[in-house]
């Protein structure tokens, strides 16, 4: 028999898919995911506490990571972009001319749209009591990427002088009683080149 497990934590990589409207204000992605939940009868595959906390008409929302995150007891450290490249093309579906070039070709209006999207994703995390609990944390940057923590960017993306790798390591080795440690994204600049994080 092996040694007992002393530490159990989770670091989801690009796992928070926003339940947000697309650029036209249409809740396309939430509608699609509700269909997936109902078509596949997914109630048995999502967090039971989440299902129990919602009325039957809203239980489909538990298919979204942020809803399950809110009720999970596992300490978590999401490694996430607030402007996830997959989400830009599949949930947001707007501002194509600028999101395809790391925001370099964006207008000021498009930058305002993207900053609002990023703020919504961050607010979705911060609205949960879990995000402020001891032992929680995360690294949420403004880079146009998806699953970058599985690439060399893990050692180069930086927020306030701390790399993603360093942030995760410090969180992992901290005691369960340590205060929640979050590294939040900067706000894209209205002036070119727009990206506010030079390490992206």
N, C-alpha and C. Protein backbone atom coordinates (compact mmCIF):
# COMPACT_ATOMS: atom_id res chain seq x y z
N UNK A 1 0.85 -1.18 0.00
CA UNK A 1 0.00 0.00 0.00
C UNK A 1 0.89 1.24 0.00
N UNK A 2 0.56 2.21 -0.84
CA UNK A 2 1.36 3.42 -0.96
C UNK A 2 1.12 4.38 0.19
N UNK A 3 1.91 5.44 0.19
CA UNK A 3 1.78 6.47 1.22
C UNK A 3 0.46 7.21 1.03
N UNK A 4 -0.12 7.72 2.12
CA UNK A 4 -1.39 8.45 2.01
C UNK A 4 -1.18 9.76 1.22
N UNK A 5 -2.22 10.16 0.53
CA UNK A 5 -2.20 11.41 -0.23
C UNK A 5 -2.24 12.57 0.75
N UNK A 6 -1.21 13.40 0.72
CA UNK A 6 -1.11 14.50 1.69
C UNK A 6 -1.70 15.80 1.15
N UNK A 7 -1.64 15.98 -0.16
CA UNK A 7 -2.14 17.21 -0.76
C UNK A 7 -3.05 16.87 -1.93
N UNK A 8 -4.23 17.48 -1.94
CA UNK A 8 -5.14 17.32 -3.07
C UNK A 8 -5.66 18.69 -3.46
N UNK A 9 -5.23 19.15 -4.63
CA UNK A 9 -5.66 20.43 -5.16
C UNK A 9 -5.86 20.26 -6.66
N UNK A 10 -6.47 21.24 -7.28
CA UNK A 10 -6.71 21.18 -8.72
C UNK A 10 -6.34 22.51 -9.37
N UNK A 11 -5.75 22.41 -10.56
CA UNK A 11 -5.38 23.60 -11.33
C UNK A 11 -5.95 23.46 -12.75
N UNK A 12 -7.23 23.80 -12.94
CA UNK A 12 -7.83 23.67 -14.27
C UNK A 12 -7.15 24.60 -15.27
N UNK A 13 -6.87 24.08 -16.46
CA UNK A 13 -6.20 24.85 -17.50
C UNK A 13 -7.23 25.25 -18.56
N UNK A 14 -7.47 26.55 -18.69
CA UNK A 14 -8.44 27.08 -19.67
C UNK A 14 -9.78 26.37 -19.56
N UNK A 15 -10.24 26.14 -18.34
CA UNK A 15 -11.46 25.36 -18.13
C UNK A 15 -12.70 26.17 -17.88
N UNK A 16 -12.57 27.48 -17.74
CA UNK A 16 -13.74 28.31 -17.44
C UNK A 16 -14.29 28.87 -18.75
N UNK A 17 -15.40 28.29 -19.21
CA UNK A 17 -16.05 28.76 -20.43
C UNK A 17 -17.22 29.64 -20.01
N UNK A 18 -17.15 30.88 -20.38
CA UNK A 18 -18.10 31.87 -19.90
C UNK A 18 -19.51 31.63 -20.41
N UNK A 19 -20.49 31.79 -19.53
CA UNK A 19 -21.89 31.71 -19.92
C UNK A 19 -22.34 33.12 -20.30
N UNK A 20 -21.77 33.61 -21.40
CA UNK A 20 -22.00 34.99 -21.82
C UNK A 20 -22.64 35.03 -23.20
N UNK A 21 -23.30 36.14 -23.48
CA UNK A 21 -23.86 36.36 -24.81
C UNK A 21 -22.75 36.58 -25.82
N UNK A 22 -23.09 36.41 -27.09
CA UNK A 22 -22.10 36.72 -28.13
C UNK A 22 -22.09 38.22 -28.41
N UNK A 23 -21.33 38.62 -29.39
CA UNK A 23 -21.14 40.06 -29.66
C UNK A 23 -22.42 40.77 -30.05
N UNK A 24 -23.42 40.01 -30.51
CA UNK A 24 -24.69 40.63 -30.91
C UNK A 24 -25.68 40.69 -29.75
N UNK A 25 -25.29 40.16 -28.59
CA UNK A 25 -26.20 40.12 -27.45
C UNK A 25 -27.07 38.88 -27.40
N UNK A 26 -26.77 37.90 -28.25
CA UNK A 26 -27.53 36.65 -28.31
C UNK A 26 -26.88 35.61 -27.40
N UNK A 27 -27.67 34.95 -26.54
CA UNK A 27 -27.09 33.92 -25.66
C UNK A 27 -26.89 32.60 -26.40
N UNK A 28 -26.13 32.65 -27.48
CA UNK A 28 -25.97 31.48 -28.35
C UNK A 28 -25.29 30.32 -27.63
N UNK A 29 -24.14 30.57 -27.02
CA UNK A 29 -23.40 29.48 -26.37
C UNK A 29 -24.17 28.90 -25.18
N UNK A 30 -24.75 29.73 -24.30
CA UNK A 30 -25.56 29.15 -23.22
C UNK A 30 -26.71 28.30 -23.75
N UNK A 31 -27.34 28.74 -24.83
CA UNK A 31 -28.44 27.96 -25.42
C UNK A 31 -27.93 26.62 -25.94
N UNK A 32 -26.78 26.65 -26.61
CA UNK A 32 -26.20 25.40 -27.13
C UNK A 32 -25.86 24.45 -25.99
N UNK A 33 -25.29 24.98 -24.90
CA UNK A 33 -24.89 24.12 -23.79
C UNK A 33 -26.11 23.59 -23.03
N UNK A 34 -27.16 24.37 -22.98
CA UNK A 34 -28.40 23.85 -22.37
C UNK A 34 -28.92 22.68 -23.20
N UNK A 35 -28.85 22.81 -24.51
CA UNK A 35 -29.28 21.72 -25.39
C UNK A 35 -28.42 20.47 -25.15
N UNK A 36 -27.10 20.66 -25.01
CA UNK A 36 -26.21 19.53 -24.74
C UNK A 36 -26.60 18.85 -23.43
N UNK A 37 -26.84 19.65 -22.39
CA UNK A 37 -27.20 19.11 -21.08
C UNK A 37 -28.49 18.27 -21.17
N UNK A 38 -29.49 18.83 -21.85
CA UNK A 38 -30.78 18.14 -21.93
C UNK A 38 -30.71 16.94 -22.88
N UNK A 39 -30.03 17.09 -24.01
CA UNK A 39 -29.95 16.01 -25.00
C UNK A 39 -29.22 14.79 -24.41
N UNK A 40 -28.18 15.05 -23.61
CA UNK A 40 -27.38 13.97 -23.06
C UNK A 40 -27.80 13.57 -21.65
N UNK A 41 -28.89 14.16 -21.17
CA UNK A 41 -29.37 13.85 -19.81
C UNK A 41 -28.21 13.92 -18.82
N UNK A 42 -27.57 15.08 -18.76
CA UNK A 42 -26.30 15.22 -18.04
C UNK A 42 -26.43 15.46 -16.54
N UNK A 43 -27.63 15.40 -15.99
CA UNK A 43 -27.80 15.70 -14.57
C UNK A 43 -26.95 14.81 -13.67
N UNK A 44 -26.71 13.56 -14.10
CA UNK A 44 -25.91 12.65 -13.30
C UNK A 44 -24.42 12.86 -13.43
N UNK A 45 -24.01 13.71 -14.37
CA UNK A 45 -22.58 13.92 -14.62
C UNK A 45 -22.06 15.26 -14.16
N UNK A 46 -22.92 16.07 -13.55
CA UNK A 46 -22.48 17.38 -13.04
C UNK A 46 -22.52 17.35 -11.51
N UNK A 47 -21.99 18.39 -10.91
CA UNK A 47 -21.85 18.40 -9.45
C UNK A 47 -23.23 18.34 -8.78
N UNK A 48 -23.49 17.31 -7.94
CA UNK A 48 -24.83 17.15 -7.34
C UNK A 48 -25.23 18.32 -6.44
N UNK A 49 -24.27 18.95 -5.78
CA UNK A 49 -24.59 20.10 -4.93
C UNK A 49 -25.09 21.26 -5.77
N UNK A 50 -24.51 21.42 -6.96
CA UNK A 50 -24.96 22.46 -7.86
C UNK A 50 -26.39 22.20 -8.30
N UNK A 51 -26.68 20.96 -8.69
CA UNK A 51 -28.03 20.59 -9.12
C UNK A 51 -29.04 20.84 -8.01
N UNK A 52 -28.68 20.45 -6.79
CA UNK A 52 -29.59 20.60 -5.66
C UNK A 52 -29.84 22.07 -5.31
N UNK A 53 -28.90 22.94 -5.65
CA UNK A 53 -29.02 24.35 -5.28
C UNK A 53 -29.87 25.16 -6.25
N UNK A 54 -30.20 24.59 -7.40
CA UNK A 54 -30.91 25.35 -8.43
C UNK A 54 -32.29 24.76 -8.69
N UNK A 55 -33.25 25.61 -9.06
CA UNK A 55 -34.55 25.07 -9.47
C UNK A 55 -34.38 24.22 -10.73
N UNK A 56 -35.30 23.30 -10.96
CA UNK A 56 -35.15 22.36 -12.06
C UNK A 56 -34.93 23.05 -13.40
N UNK A 57 -35.56 24.19 -13.60
CA UNK A 57 -35.45 24.89 -14.88
C UNK A 57 -34.07 25.50 -15.11
N UNK A 58 -33.24 25.57 -14.05
CA UNK A 58 -31.92 26.17 -14.18
C UNK A 58 -30.78 25.19 -13.92
N UNK A 59 -31.09 23.94 -13.67
CA UNK A 59 -30.06 22.96 -13.33
C UNK A 59 -29.08 22.72 -14.48
N UNK A 60 -29.48 23.03 -15.70
CA UNK A 60 -28.58 22.89 -16.84
C UNK A 60 -27.35 23.77 -16.70
N UNK A 61 -27.43 24.84 -15.94
CA UNK A 61 -26.30 25.75 -15.76
C UNK A 61 -25.12 25.05 -15.08
N UNK A 62 -25.37 23.95 -14.41
CA UNK A 62 -24.30 23.22 -13.73
C UNK A 62 -23.30 22.61 -14.71
N UNK A 63 -23.63 22.60 -16.00
CA UNK A 63 -22.68 22.11 -17.00
C UNK A 63 -21.55 23.12 -17.19
N UNK A 64 -21.75 24.35 -16.72
CA UNK A 64 -20.72 25.38 -16.82
C UNK A 64 -19.78 25.28 -15.62
N UNK A 65 -18.49 25.39 -15.91
CA UNK A 65 -17.47 25.21 -14.87
C UNK A 65 -17.62 26.19 -13.72
N UNK A 66 -18.02 27.43 -14.02
CA UNK A 66 -18.10 28.41 -12.94
C UNK A 66 -19.18 28.03 -11.93
N UNK A 67 -20.27 27.40 -12.36
CA UNK A 67 -21.31 26.97 -11.43
C UNK A 67 -20.81 25.80 -10.59
N UNK A 68 -20.14 24.86 -11.20
CA UNK A 68 -19.60 23.73 -10.44
C UNK A 68 -18.47 24.18 -9.53
N UNK A 69 -17.64 25.11 -10.02
CA UNK A 69 -16.55 25.66 -9.21
C UNK A 69 -17.10 26.25 -7.91
N UNK A 70 -18.21 26.95 -8.01
CA UNK A 70 -18.76 27.65 -6.85
C UNK A 70 -19.11 26.71 -5.70
N UNK A 71 -19.45 25.47 -6.01
CA UNK A 71 -19.87 24.53 -4.96
C UNK A 71 -18.83 23.45 -4.68
N UNK A 72 -17.71 23.47 -5.38
CA UNK A 72 -16.68 22.45 -5.17
C UNK A 72 -15.91 22.71 -3.88
N UNK A 73 -15.58 21.62 -3.18
CA UNK A 73 -14.78 21.74 -1.96
C UNK A 73 -13.29 21.59 -2.25
N UNK A 74 -12.94 21.21 -3.48
CA UNK A 74 -11.53 21.05 -3.86
C UNK A 74 -10.86 22.40 -4.01
N UNK A 75 -9.74 22.66 -3.33
CA UNK A 75 -9.02 23.92 -3.56
C UNK A 75 -8.59 24.00 -5.02
N UNK A 76 -8.83 25.15 -5.65
CA UNK A 76 -8.53 25.28 -7.08
C UNK A 76 -7.73 26.53 -7.39
N UNK A 77 -6.97 26.43 -8.48
CA UNK A 77 -6.14 27.52 -8.96
C UNK A 77 -6.28 27.55 -10.49
N UNK A 78 -7.36 28.17 -11.01
CA UNK A 78 -7.54 28.21 -12.46
C UNK A 78 -6.39 28.94 -13.16
N UNK A 79 -5.93 28.37 -14.25
CA UNK A 79 -4.93 28.98 -15.13
C UNK A 79 -5.70 29.34 -16.40
N UNK A 80 -5.97 30.62 -16.58
CA UNK A 80 -7.00 31.00 -17.53
C UNK A 80 -6.70 32.35 -18.17
N UNK A 81 -7.09 32.48 -19.41
CA UNK A 81 -7.10 33.81 -20.03
C UNK A 81 -8.49 34.40 -19.89
N UNK A 82 -8.55 35.68 -19.58
CA UNK A 82 -9.84 36.37 -19.54
C UNK A 82 -10.33 36.63 -20.96
N UNK A 83 -9.44 36.47 -21.93
CA UNK A 83 -9.77 36.66 -23.35
C UNK A 83 -9.33 35.41 -24.11
N UNK A 84 -9.81 34.28 -23.64
CA UNK A 84 -9.43 32.97 -24.17
C UNK A 84 -9.66 32.92 -25.68
N UNK A 85 -8.65 32.46 -26.40
CA UNK A 85 -8.72 32.44 -27.87
C UNK A 85 -9.86 31.58 -28.39
N UNK A 86 -10.13 30.44 -27.76
CA UNK A 86 -11.24 29.59 -28.20
C UNK A 86 -12.56 30.31 -27.98
N UNK A 87 -12.68 30.97 -26.84
CA UNK A 87 -13.93 31.67 -26.54
C UNK A 87 -14.16 32.86 -27.48
N UNK A 88 -13.09 33.51 -27.88
CA UNK A 88 -13.24 34.64 -28.80
C UNK A 88 -13.91 34.20 -30.10
N UNK A 89 -13.54 33.02 -30.60
CA UNK A 89 -14.09 32.54 -31.86
C UNK A 89 -15.37 31.74 -31.74
N UNK A 90 -15.66 31.20 -30.54
CA UNK A 90 -16.79 30.29 -30.40
C UNK A 90 -17.88 30.76 -29.45
N UNK A 91 -17.57 31.69 -28.58
CA UNK A 91 -18.59 32.25 -27.69
C UNK A 91 -18.83 33.72 -28.04
N UNK A 92 -17.78 34.51 -28.05
CA UNK A 92 -17.91 35.93 -28.35
C UNK A 92 -18.27 36.15 -29.82
N UNK A 93 -17.53 35.54 -30.72
CA UNK A 93 -17.80 35.59 -32.16
C UNK A 93 -17.88 37.00 -32.72
N UNK A 94 -17.15 37.90 -32.14
CA UNK A 94 -17.16 39.28 -32.65
C UNK A 94 -15.75 39.81 -32.80
N UNK A 95 -15.64 40.98 -33.38
CA UNK A 95 -14.36 41.67 -33.50
C UNK A 95 -13.29 40.79 -34.15
N UNK A 96 -13.67 40.06 -35.20
CA UNK A 96 -12.76 39.09 -35.83
C UNK A 96 -11.47 39.73 -36.33
N UNK A 97 -11.57 40.91 -36.87
CA UNK A 97 -10.38 41.53 -37.43
C UNK A 97 -9.31 41.82 -36.42
N UNK A 98 -9.69 41.99 -35.17
CA UNK A 98 -8.67 42.33 -34.16
C UNK A 98 -8.28 41.15 -33.30
N UNK A 99 -9.20 40.25 -33.01
CA UNK A 99 -8.83 39.14 -32.14
C UNK A 99 -7.93 38.13 -32.83
N UNK A 100 -7.85 38.19 -34.16
CA UNK A 100 -6.98 37.25 -34.86
C UNK A 100 -5.52 37.70 -34.88
N UNK A 101 -5.25 38.92 -34.42
CA UNK A 101 -3.87 39.45 -34.46
C UNK A 101 -3.43 39.98 -33.10
N UNK A 102 -3.81 39.23 -32.04
CA UNK A 102 -3.42 39.61 -30.68
C UNK A 102 -3.82 41.05 -30.36
N UNK A 103 -4.99 41.44 -30.87
CA UNK A 103 -5.62 42.74 -30.59
C UNK A 103 -4.93 43.91 -31.30
N UNK A 104 -3.91 43.65 -32.12
CA UNK A 104 -3.14 44.75 -32.72
C UNK A 104 -3.97 45.63 -33.63
N UNK A 105 -5.01 45.07 -34.27
CA UNK A 105 -5.79 45.83 -35.24
C UNK A 105 -7.14 46.29 -34.70
N UNK A 106 -7.30 46.28 -33.39
CA UNK A 106 -8.58 46.63 -32.80
C UNK A 106 -8.82 48.13 -32.79
N UNK A 107 -10.07 48.50 -32.90
CA UNK A 107 -10.47 49.89 -32.70
C UNK A 107 -10.71 50.10 -31.21
N UNK A 108 -10.84 51.35 -30.80
CA UNK A 108 -11.10 51.65 -29.39
C UNK A 108 -12.43 51.03 -28.96
N UNK A 109 -13.42 51.02 -29.85
CA UNK A 109 -14.72 50.43 -29.52
C UNK A 109 -14.60 48.92 -29.31
N UNK A 110 -13.81 48.27 -30.15
CA UNK A 110 -13.60 46.83 -30.00
C UNK A 110 -12.86 46.51 -28.71
N UNK A 111 -11.89 47.34 -28.38
CA UNK A 111 -11.16 47.14 -27.12
C UNK A 111 -12.10 47.27 -25.93
N UNK A 112 -13.01 48.23 -26.00
CA UNK A 112 -13.99 48.37 -24.92
C UNK A 112 -14.87 47.13 -24.81
N UNK A 113 -15.27 46.56 -25.96
CA UNK A 113 -16.05 45.32 -25.97
C UNK A 113 -15.27 44.19 -25.29
N UNK A 114 -14.00 44.05 -25.68
CA UNK A 114 -13.18 42.96 -25.15
C UNK A 114 -12.92 43.13 -23.66
N UNK A 115 -12.68 44.35 -23.23
CA UNK A 115 -12.49 44.60 -21.79
C UNK A 115 -13.75 44.26 -21.01
N UNK A 116 -14.91 44.55 -21.59
CA UNK A 116 -16.16 44.21 -20.92
C UNK A 116 -16.31 42.70 -20.81
N UNK A 117 -15.92 41.98 -21.86
CA UNK A 117 -15.98 40.51 -21.83
C UNK A 117 -15.07 39.99 -20.72
N UNK A 118 -13.84 40.50 -20.67
CA UNK A 118 -12.89 40.06 -19.65
C UNK A 118 -13.40 40.37 -18.25
N UNK A 119 -13.96 41.56 -18.07
CA UNK A 119 -14.51 41.93 -16.75
C UNK A 119 -15.63 40.98 -16.35
N UNK A 120 -16.47 40.57 -17.31
CA UNK A 120 -17.57 39.66 -17.00
C UNK A 120 -17.06 38.31 -16.55
N UNK A 121 -16.02 37.80 -17.21
CA UNK A 121 -15.46 36.52 -16.83
C UNK A 121 -14.85 36.59 -15.43
N UNK A 122 -14.12 37.66 -15.15
CA UNK A 122 -13.52 37.83 -13.83
C UNK A 122 -14.61 37.97 -12.76
N UNK A 123 -15.63 38.76 -13.06
CA UNK A 123 -16.73 38.94 -12.10
C UNK A 123 -17.44 37.63 -11.82
N UNK A 124 -17.53 36.76 -12.83
CA UNK A 124 -18.16 35.47 -12.65
C UNK A 124 -17.40 34.63 -11.63
N UNK A 125 -16.09 34.70 -11.66
CA UNK A 125 -15.28 34.01 -10.65
C UNK A 125 -15.43 34.68 -9.29
N UNK A 126 -15.35 35.99 -9.26
CA UNK A 126 -15.34 36.72 -7.99
C UNK A 126 -16.69 36.71 -7.28
N UNK A 127 -17.75 36.42 -8.02
CA UNK A 127 -19.08 36.40 -7.38
C UNK A 127 -19.25 35.22 -6.44
N UNK A 128 -18.39 34.23 -6.55
CA UNK A 128 -18.51 33.03 -5.72
C UNK A 128 -17.82 33.24 -4.38
N UNK A 129 -18.43 32.71 -3.33
CA UNK A 129 -17.79 32.75 -2.01
C UNK A 129 -16.50 31.95 -2.04
N UNK A 130 -16.46 30.90 -2.85
CA UNK A 130 -15.29 30.03 -2.92
C UNK A 130 -14.04 30.81 -3.30
N UNK A 131 -14.15 31.76 -4.21
CA UNK A 131 -12.97 32.46 -4.72
C UNK A 131 -12.21 33.20 -3.62
N UNK A 132 -12.89 33.57 -2.55
CA UNK A 132 -12.25 34.33 -1.47
C UNK A 132 -11.82 33.44 -0.31
N UNK A 133 -12.13 32.15 -0.36
CA UNK A 133 -11.78 31.26 0.74
C UNK A 133 -10.29 31.01 0.83
N UNK A 134 -9.84 30.72 2.04
CA UNK A 134 -8.45 30.33 2.24
C UNK A 134 -8.14 29.12 1.36
N UNK A 135 -6.93 29.11 0.81
CA UNK A 135 -6.50 28.00 -0.01
C UNK A 135 -6.87 28.09 -1.47
N UNK A 136 -7.62 29.12 -1.84
CA UNK A 136 -8.03 29.28 -3.24
C UNK A 136 -7.08 30.24 -3.95
N UNK A 137 -7.24 30.39 -5.24
CA UNK A 137 -6.44 31.33 -6.00
C UNK A 137 -6.54 31.07 -7.48
N UNK A 138 -5.73 31.79 -8.26
CA UNK A 138 -5.73 31.58 -9.69
C UNK A 138 -4.84 32.58 -10.41
N UNK A 139 -4.60 32.29 -11.66
CA UNK A 139 -3.78 33.13 -12.53
C UNK A 139 -4.60 33.39 -13.79
N UNK A 140 -5.13 34.60 -13.88
CA UNK A 140 -6.01 34.95 -15.00
C UNK A 140 -5.37 36.12 -15.74
N UNK A 141 -4.91 35.86 -16.98
CA UNK A 141 -4.19 36.89 -17.72
C UNK A 141 -5.00 37.38 -18.92
N UNK A 142 -4.44 38.36 -19.62
CA UNK A 142 -5.13 38.98 -20.74
C UNK A 142 -4.62 38.50 -22.10
N UNK A 143 -3.81 37.45 -22.11
CA UNK A 143 -3.22 36.97 -23.36
C UNK A 143 -4.26 36.27 -24.23
N UNK A 144 -4.16 36.44 -25.53
CA UNK A 144 -5.05 35.78 -26.48
C UNK A 144 -4.52 34.36 -26.69
N UNK A 145 -4.98 33.43 -25.86
CA UNK A 145 -4.46 32.06 -25.87
C UNK A 145 -5.50 31.09 -25.37
N UNK A 146 -5.24 29.81 -25.59
CA UNK A 146 -6.03 28.72 -25.03
C UNK A 146 -5.06 27.61 -24.64
N UNK A 147 -5.15 27.14 -23.43
CA UNK A 147 -4.29 26.12 -22.80
C UNK A 147 -2.80 26.48 -22.88
N UNK A 148 -2.47 27.75 -22.74
CA UNK A 148 -1.06 28.16 -22.79
C UNK A 148 -0.25 27.58 -21.63
N UNK A 149 -0.91 27.23 -20.53
CA UNK A 149 -0.20 26.66 -19.39
C UNK A 149 0.40 25.30 -19.73
N UNK A 150 0.02 24.72 -20.86
CA UNK A 150 0.59 23.46 -21.30
C UNK A 150 1.72 23.69 -22.31
N UNK A 151 2.15 24.93 -22.44
CA UNK A 151 3.22 25.27 -23.38
C UNK A 151 4.32 26.01 -22.64
N UNK A 152 5.31 26.48 -23.38
CA UNK A 152 6.40 27.24 -22.77
C UNK A 152 5.93 28.56 -22.17
N UNK A 153 4.74 29.02 -22.55
CA UNK A 153 4.19 30.25 -21.98
C UNK A 153 4.00 30.14 -20.47
N UNK A 154 3.89 28.91 -19.99
CA UNK A 154 3.75 28.65 -18.55
C UNK A 154 4.88 29.32 -17.76
N UNK A 155 6.06 29.39 -18.38
CA UNK A 155 7.22 29.98 -17.71
C UNK A 155 7.45 31.45 -18.09
N UNK A 156 6.65 31.98 -19.00
CA UNK A 156 6.91 33.35 -19.47
C UNK A 156 5.79 34.33 -19.20
N UNK A 157 4.54 33.88 -19.19
CA UNK A 157 3.44 34.80 -18.87
C UNK A 157 3.61 35.28 -17.44
N UNK A 158 3.53 36.59 -17.27
CA UNK A 158 3.81 37.19 -15.96
C UNK A 158 2.73 38.20 -15.60
N UNK A 159 2.37 38.24 -14.33
CA UNK A 159 1.50 39.28 -13.78
C UNK A 159 2.19 39.82 -12.54
N UNK A 160 2.42 41.13 -12.54
CA UNK A 160 3.08 41.80 -11.41
C UNK A 160 4.38 41.10 -11.01
N UNK A 161 5.18 40.72 -12.03
CA UNK A 161 6.49 40.15 -11.77
C UNK A 161 6.51 38.68 -11.39
N UNK A 162 5.35 38.01 -11.41
CA UNK A 162 5.27 36.61 -11.04
C UNK A 162 4.82 35.81 -12.25
N UNK A 163 5.59 34.78 -12.64
CA UNK A 163 5.18 33.96 -13.78
C UNK A 163 4.05 33.02 -13.37
N UNK A 164 3.38 32.51 -14.37
CA UNK A 164 2.30 31.56 -14.12
C UNK A 164 2.82 30.35 -13.35
N UNK A 165 3.99 29.86 -13.75
CA UNK A 165 4.58 28.71 -13.06
C UNK A 165 4.88 29.04 -11.61
N UNK A 166 5.47 30.22 -11.36
CA UNK A 166 5.79 30.61 -9.98
C UNK A 166 4.53 30.75 -9.14
N UNK A 167 3.50 31.35 -9.73
CA UNK A 167 2.25 31.55 -9.01
C UNK A 167 1.63 30.22 -8.61
N UNK A 168 1.60 29.27 -9.55
CA UNK A 168 1.05 27.95 -9.26
C UNK A 168 1.87 27.24 -8.19
N UNK A 169 3.18 27.31 -8.30
CA UNK A 169 4.05 26.64 -7.34
C UNK A 169 3.88 27.20 -5.93
N UNK A 170 3.81 28.52 -5.82
CA UNK A 170 3.63 29.14 -4.50
C UNK A 170 2.29 28.73 -3.89
N UNK A 171 1.25 28.69 -4.73
CA UNK A 171 -0.07 28.28 -4.23
C UNK A 171 -0.05 26.81 -3.80
N UNK A 172 0.56 25.96 -4.62
CA UNK A 172 0.58 24.53 -4.32
C UNK A 172 1.26 24.25 -2.98
N UNK A 173 2.35 24.94 -2.71
CA UNK A 173 3.13 24.68 -1.50
C UNK A 173 2.63 25.46 -0.28
N UNK A 174 1.66 26.35 -0.47
CA UNK A 174 1.11 27.12 0.66
C UNK A 174 0.21 26.23 1.51
N UNK A 175 0.12 26.51 2.80
CA UNK A 175 -0.77 25.71 3.65
C UNK A 175 -2.23 25.98 3.31
N UNK A 176 -3.11 25.03 3.65
CA UNK A 176 -4.54 25.21 3.34
C UNK A 176 -5.14 26.48 3.95
N UNK A 177 -4.53 26.97 5.01
CA UNK A 177 -5.05 28.16 5.69
C UNK A 177 -4.59 29.47 5.05
N UNK A 178 -3.73 29.38 4.03
CA UNK A 178 -3.22 30.60 3.40
C UNK A 178 -4.35 31.37 2.73
N UNK A 179 -4.30 32.71 2.78
CA UNK A 179 -5.34 33.51 2.13
C UNK A 179 -5.40 33.22 0.63
N UNK A 180 -6.57 33.39 0.06
CA UNK A 180 -6.73 33.22 -1.39
C UNK A 180 -5.75 34.14 -2.12
N UNK A 181 -5.09 33.60 -3.13
CA UNK A 181 -4.08 34.35 -3.87
C UNK A 181 -4.44 34.36 -5.35
N UNK A 182 -4.88 35.52 -5.81
CA UNK A 182 -5.29 35.67 -7.20
C UNK A 182 -4.37 36.63 -7.93
N UNK A 183 -4.12 36.32 -9.18
CA UNK A 183 -3.36 37.18 -10.08
C UNK A 183 -4.32 37.53 -11.21
N UNK A 184 -4.78 38.80 -11.23
CA UNK A 184 -5.84 39.21 -12.14
C UNK A 184 -5.28 39.89 -13.39
N UNK A 185 -6.04 39.86 -14.49
CA UNK A 185 -5.55 40.44 -15.75
C UNK A 185 -5.56 41.96 -15.72
N UNK A 186 -4.71 42.54 -16.54
CA UNK A 186 -4.73 43.99 -16.75
C UNK A 186 -5.83 44.32 -17.76
N UNK A 187 -6.07 45.60 -17.95
CA UNK A 187 -7.09 46.06 -18.89
C UNK A 187 -6.42 46.47 -20.20
N UNK A 188 -6.92 45.95 -21.31
CA UNK A 188 -6.37 46.31 -22.61
C UNK A 188 -6.41 47.82 -22.80
N UNK A 189 -5.38 48.35 -23.43
CA UNK A 189 -5.28 49.78 -23.64
C UNK A 189 -6.04 50.20 -24.90
N UNK A 190 -6.67 51.35 -24.86
CA UNK A 190 -7.38 51.85 -26.04
C UNK A 190 -6.41 52.23 -27.15
N UNK A 191 -5.17 52.51 -26.79
CA UNK A 191 -4.18 52.88 -27.82
C UNK A 191 -3.35 51.67 -28.20
N UNK A 192 -2.93 51.63 -29.46
CA UNK A 192 -2.12 50.52 -29.96
C UNK A 192 -0.80 50.44 -29.21
N UNK A 193 -0.27 49.23 -29.01
CA UNK A 193 -0.72 47.94 -29.55
C UNK A 193 -1.80 47.24 -28.73
N UNK A 194 -2.39 47.90 -27.75
CA UNK A 194 -3.54 47.45 -26.99
C UNK A 194 -3.23 46.43 -25.90
N UNK A 195 -2.42 45.42 -26.19
CA UNK A 195 -2.14 44.39 -25.17
C UNK A 195 -1.41 45.05 -24.00
N UNK A 196 -1.99 44.92 -22.82
CA UNK A 196 -1.44 45.58 -21.62
C UNK A 196 -0.39 44.74 -20.92
N UNK A 197 -0.30 43.46 -21.28
CA UNK A 197 0.69 42.58 -20.65
C UNK A 197 1.79 42.28 -21.67
N UNK A 198 2.97 42.87 -21.50
CA UNK A 198 4.04 42.68 -22.49
C UNK A 198 4.57 41.26 -22.59
N UNK A 199 4.23 40.38 -21.63
CA UNK A 199 4.72 39.02 -21.68
C UNK A 199 3.84 38.10 -22.52
N UNK A 200 2.70 38.62 -22.98
CA UNK A 200 1.79 37.80 -23.80
C UNK A 200 2.40 37.54 -25.17
